[in-house]
Amino acid sequence: VEKLELLAGTRGLAMIKNNDGETVFLIGNFITFESADEYVSLLIRNGYSTARVAAYVGMHEIPVEAAKELLNRLQDD
């Protein structure tokens, strides 16, 4: 956890349990999906091979494509 805190820096780090009972570490909020993807690449290079971009609404993960669509709808309004 200490190494994750170091990697998260000022972005923030949250730990939750998903619906499968797995511990999920969430690092920060990103303005674009591209910047989140770049950060995932950094995590993978640092040994976190299961790192990925995820979208959450409250404590529930939603598909990234659904999150992108939701953001597009909000921007169109």
Protein backbone atom coordinates (compact mmCIF):
# COMPACT_ATOMS: atom_id res chain seq x y z
CA VAL A 1 0.00 0.00 0.00
CA GLU A 2 2.87 2.39 0.74
CA LYS A 3 4.20 2.03 -2.81
CA LEU A 4 0.71 2.70 -4.20
CA GLU A 5 0.46 5.82 -2.02
CA LEU A 6 3.78 6.99 -3.44
CA LEU A 7 2.63 6.34 -7.02
CA ALA A 8 -0.70 8.06 -6.37
CA GLY A 9 1.03 11.17 -5.02
CA THR A 10 -1.43 14.04 -4.68
CA ARG A 11 -4.02 12.30 -6.90
CA GLY A 12 -5.42 10.45 -3.91
CA LEU A 13 -5.84 6.76 -3.22
CA ALA A 14 -9.02 4.93 -2.26
CA MET A 15 -9.49 1.27 -1.39
CA ILE A 16 -12.85 -0.44 -1.90
CA LYS A 17 -14.25 -3.97 -2.10
CA ASN A 18 -15.97 -4.76 -5.39
CA ASN A 19 -19.01 -7.00 -5.85
CA ASP A 20 -16.72 -10.03 -6.14
CA GLY A 21 -15.15 -9.28 -2.76
CA GLU A 22 -11.85 -8.21 -4.35
CA THR A 23 -9.91 -5.26 -3.00
CA VAL A 24 -9.69 -2.49 -5.61
CA PHE A 25 -7.31 0.44 -5.33
CA LEU A 26 -8.53 3.59 -7.08
CA ILE A 27 -5.94 6.23 -7.87
CA GLY A 28 -7.23 9.73 -8.53
CA ASN A 29 -9.72 11.27 -10.88
CA PHE A 30 -8.62 12.12 -14.38
CA ILE A 31 -9.93 14.82 -16.69
CA THR A 32 -9.55 12.71 -19.84
CA PHE A 33 -9.56 9.02 -20.54
CA GLU A 34 -6.30 9.51 -22.41
CA SER A 35 -4.56 10.89 -19.31
CA ALA A 36 -5.92 7.99 -17.27
CA ASP A 37 -4.62 5.55 -19.88
CA GLU A 38 -1.17 7.18 -19.76
CA TYR A 39 -1.15 6.77 -15.98
CA VAL A 40 -2.10 3.10 -16.31
CA SER A 41 0.90 2.66 -18.62
CA LEU A 42 3.11 4.14 -15.88
CA LEU A 43 1.64 1.74 -13.31
CA ILE A 44 2.19 -1.25 -15.61
CA ARG A 45 5.82 -0.20 -16.16
CA ASN A 46 6.18 -0.13 -12.35
CA GLY A 47 5.05 -3.73 -12.01
CA TYR A 48 1.27 -3.41 -11.64
CA SER A 49 0.35 -5.63 -14.58
CA THR A 50 -3.35 -5.69 -13.70
CA ALA A 51 -3.70 -1.89 -13.66
CA ARG A 52 -6.47 -0.57 -15.92
CA VAL A 53 -8.70 2.42 -16.49
CA ALA A 54 -11.97 2.04 -14.61
CA ALA A 55 -15.05 4.20 -14.23
CA TYR A 56 -17.03 4.26 -11.01
CA VAL A 57 -20.36 5.72 -10.05
CA GLY A 58 -20.38 5.72 -6.29
CA MET A 59 -19.07 2.30 -5.30
CA HIS A 60 -20.12 0.58 -8.54
CA GLU A 61 -17.89 0.06 -11.54
CA ILE A 62 -19.43 0.85 -14.89
CA PRO A 63 -18.01 0.03 -18.33
CA VAL A 64 -15.58 2.69 -19.54
CA GLU A 65 -17.49 3.00 -22.82
CA ALA A 66 -20.69 3.75 -20.87
CA ALA A 67 -18.83 6.43 -18.90
CA LYS A 68 -17.53 7.98 -22.13
CA GLU A 69 -21.06 8.03 -23.57
CA LEU A 70 -22.41 9.61 -20.39
CA LEU A 71 -19.76 12.34 -20.51
CA ASN A 72 -20.49 13.01 -24.18
CA ARG A 73 -24.19 13.42 -23.39
CA LEU A 74 -23.42 15.83 -20.55
CA GLN A 75 -21.15 17.90 -22.81
CA ASP A 76 -23.84 18.07 -25.50
CA ASP A 77 -26.40 19.57 -23.09
